Amino acid sequence: MDKHQPIRMVLATTLARWMAQRPDLDTQMKVADASGLGQTTIGRVLNGKVSATIDILEALGLAFGRDPGELIRQDSAGINYEMDRYARLPDYEKARVEAFIKHVINEQEFRSSPTPHEPSELITKVEPSVTKQITRGKTSQSHATEPSGQPATKRVRRTRK
């Protein structure tokens, strides 16, 4: 979104996107029923004709199970998820979600970095007990064993591009 877009238009765009993603809330009437707001209010929000109050933002956020602040966030960098479903996850699952998000972001930053990375910077976690580090064409393993208890014999081959 354009960073200089009026907040009411950011709200309109975000609400329309949320509605398109949710078949159970894809019409003004469905959103009105779920939020407790009037259908005309929903229409005015979608047309950018209303200065939304905090109460309107809160009602829309609750109807969609999302953070009401996301409706007016201009960077739109929020993650598309249903807050109430995420909140019901056990803490260990929330930690997994957060770790995955960090992993994807770090991987993207690594790939888009303008400086070439040394092979020694590439560390791949294979399984909890086995970590391999690729350094200048050699593979080193620390305390790696197969499930049978025998020493691991896997090798990593480097291919030339």
Protein backbone atom coordinates (compact mmCIF):
# COMPACT_ATOMS: atom_id res chain seq x y z
CA MET A 1 0.00 0.00 0.00
CA ASP A 2 1.06 3.56 -0.60
CA LYS A 3 2.56 4.96 2.61
CA HIS A 4 0.73 8.28 2.13
CA GLN A 5 -2.70 6.71 1.72
CA PRO A 6 -5.34 8.17 4.07
CA ILE A 7 -6.03 5.85 7.00
CA ARG A 8 -9.71 5.53 6.10
CA MET A 9 -8.66 4.13 2.71
CA VAL A 10 -6.18 1.75 4.38
CA LEU A 11 -9.09 0.59 6.55
CA ALA A 12 -11.33 0.13 3.50
CA THR A 13 -8.69 -1.85 1.61
CA THR A 14 -7.83 -4.05 4.57
CA LEU A 15 -11.47 -4.79 5.41
CA ALA A 16 -12.18 -5.70 1.78
CA ARG A 17 -9.16 -8.04 1.75
CA TRP A 18 -10.24 -9.69 5.00
CA MET A 19 -13.76 -10.19 3.62
CA ALA A 20 -12.40 -11.76 0.43
CA GLN A 21 -10.39 -14.24 2.51
CA ARG A 22 -13.34 -15.37 4.64
CA PRO A 23 -16.34 -16.96 2.89
CA ASP A 24 -18.31 -16.76 6.14
CA LEU A 25 -17.77 -12.96 6.23
CA ASP A 26 -17.68 -12.11 2.53
CA THR A 27 -20.68 -9.77 2.43
CA GLN A 28 -21.52 -6.54 4.21
CA MET A 29 -24.53 -8.19 5.84
CA LYS A 30 -22.48 -11.11 7.19
CA VAL A 31 -19.90 -8.71 8.64
CA ALA A 32 -22.67 -6.56 10.10
CA ASP A 33 -24.25 -9.58 11.80
CA ALA A 34 -20.92 -10.85 13.16
CA SER A 35 -19.73 -7.43 14.36
CA GLY A 36 -22.98 -5.97 15.66
CA LEU A 37 -22.50 -2.93 13.41
CA GLY A 38 -25.06 -1.73 10.89
CA GLN A 39 -24.77 -2.83 7.28
CA THR A 40 -24.69 0.84 6.21
CA THR A 41 -21.72 1.42 8.53
CA ILE A 42 -19.87 -1.49 6.92
CA GLY A 43 -20.66 -0.06 3.47
CA ARG A 44 -19.42 3.39 4.47
CA VAL A 45 -16.20 1.89 5.88
CA LEU A 46 -15.64 -0.06 2.64
CA ASN A 47 -16.20 3.12 0.60
CA GLY A 48 -13.85 5.18 2.78
CA LYS A 49 -16.70 7.51 3.72
CA VAL A 50 -16.56 7.17 7.50
CA SER A 51 -14.02 8.12 10.14
CA ALA A 52 -14.00 4.87 12.04
CA THR A 53 -14.10 5.01 15.79
CA ILE A 54 -12.17 2.72 18.07
CA ASP A 55 -15.45 0.92 18.75
CA ILE A 56 -15.90 0.20 15.03
CA LEU A 57 -12.32 -1.07 14.73
CA GLU A 58 -12.76 -3.24 17.81
CA ALA A 59 -16.05 -4.72 16.56
CA LEU A 60 -14.53 -5.54 13.16
CA GLY A 61 -11.40 -7.04 14.73
CA LEU A 62 -13.49 -9.25 17.02
CA ALA A 63 -15.73 -10.36 14.14
CA PHE A 64 -12.67 -11.52 12.18
CA GLY A 65 -10.76 -12.79 15.22
CA ARG A 66 -7.89 -10.45 14.50
CA ASP A 67 -6.08 -7.54 16.06
CA PRO A 68 -8.14 -4.37 15.35
CA GLY A 69 -4.89 -2.43 14.85
CA GLU A 70 -4.20 -4.45 11.71
CA LEU A 71 -7.13 -2.69 10.02
CA ILE A 72 -5.29 0.63 9.93
CA ARG A 73 -1.68 -0.54 9.72
CA GLN A 74 -0.28 1.08 6.59
CA ASP A 75 2.73 -1.19 6.17
CA SER A 76 0.42 -4.22 5.95
CA ALA A 77 3.31 -6.34 7.12
CA GLY A 78 1.05 -8.20 9.51
CA ILE A 79 0.73 -11.92 9.21
CA ASN A 80 -2.57 -13.17 7.89
CA TYR A 81 -3.95 -15.37 10.66
CA GLU A 82 -6.95 -15.56 12.93
CA MET A 83 -5.91 -14.25 16.31
CA ASP A 84 -8.46 -16.24 18.32
CA ARG A 85 -7.37 -19.55 16.75
CA TYR A 86 -3.70 -18.70 17.35
CA ALA A 87 -4.50 -17.77 20.98
CA ARG A 88 -5.94 -21.27 21.56
CA LEU A 89 -2.71 -22.98 20.51
CA PRO A 90 -0.55 -24.45 23.27
CA ASP A 91 2.56 -22.40 24.09
CA TYR A 92 4.90 -24.92 22.45
CA GLU A 93 2.95 -24.63 19.17
CA LYS A 94 3.09 -20.82 19.35
CA ALA A 95 6.86 -21.11 19.79
CA ARG A 96 7.03 -23.34 16.69
CA VAL A 97 5.03 -20.81 14.64
CA GLU A 98 7.28 -17.96 15.77
CA ALA A 99 10.43 -19.99 15.06
CA PHE A 100 9.18 -20.82 11.56
CA ILE A 101 8.43 -17.17 10.83
CA LYS A 102 11.91 -16.15 12.00
CA HIS A 103 13.42 -18.92 9.88
CA VAL A 104 11.63 -17.79 6.72
CA ILE A 105 12.58 -14.14 7.29
CA ASN A 106 16.23 -15.02 7.97
CA GLU A 107 16.35 -17.26 4.90
CA GLN A 108 14.94 -14.48 2.72
CA GLU A 109 17.43 -11.94 4.10
CA PHE A 110 20.27 -14.41 3.50
CA ARG A 111 19.20 -15.03 -0.10
CA SER A 112 18.72 -11.36 -0.92
CA SER A 113 21.97 -10.26 0.68
CA PRO A 114 24.24 -8.50 -1.84
CA THR A 115 27.43 -9.97 -0.34
CA PRO A 116 28.41 -13.55 -1.13
CA HIS A 117 28.49 -15.85 1.88
CA GLU A 118 31.38 -18.16 2.69
CA PRO A 119 30.57 -21.86 2.74
CA SER A 120 31.52 -21.87 6.43
CA GLU A 121 28.46 -19.73 7.11
CA LEU A 122 26.13 -22.48 5.91
CA ILE A 123 24.97 -24.59 8.81
CA THR A 124 22.22 -27.12 8.28
CA LYS A 125 20.49 -28.77 11.20
CA VAL A 126 19.69 -32.31 10.08
CA GLU A 127 18.12 -33.67 13.26
CA PRO A 128 18.49 -32.79 16.95
CA SER A 129 21.54 -35.03 17.49
CA VAL A 130 23.24 -34.32 14.18
CA THR A 131 24.52 -30.97 13.04
CA LYS A 132 26.62 -30.73 9.90
CA GLN A 133 28.76 -27.81 8.97
CA ILE A 134 30.01 -27.46 5.44
CA THR A 135 33.38 -25.78 5.37
CA ARG A 136 35.38 -25.33 2.22
CA GLY A 137 34.38 -28.64 0.65
CA LYS A 138 34.73 -30.75 3.82
CA THR A 139 31.96 -32.07 5.99
CA SER A 140 32.38 -32.31 9.73
CA GLN A 141 30.00 -34.10 12.06
CA SER A 142 29.91 -33.93 15.81
CA HIS A 143 28.73 -36.91 17.85
CA ALA A 144 26.46 -38.16 15.10
CA THR A 145 24.93 -41.59 15.42
CA GLU A 146 22.35 -43.60 13.58
CA PRO A 147 19.16 -44.68 15.42
CA SER A 148 20.82 -48.12 15.86
CA GLY A 149 23.63 -46.49 17.86
CA GLN A 150 26.21 -47.00 15.09
CA PRO A 151 28.29 -43.99 13.94
CA ALA A 152 26.66 -42.00 11.16
CA THR A 153 28.13 -42.60 7.73
CA LYS A 154 26.22 -40.07 5.67
CA ARG A 155 28.30 -37.89 3.40
CA VAL A 156 27.50 -34.58 1.82
CA ARG A 157 28.75 -34.00 -1.69
CA ARG A 158 29.32 -30.56 -3.02
CA THR A 159 28.37 -30.05 -6.62
CA ARG A 160 29.79 -27.41 -8.89
CA LYS A 161 27.48 -25.04 -10.63
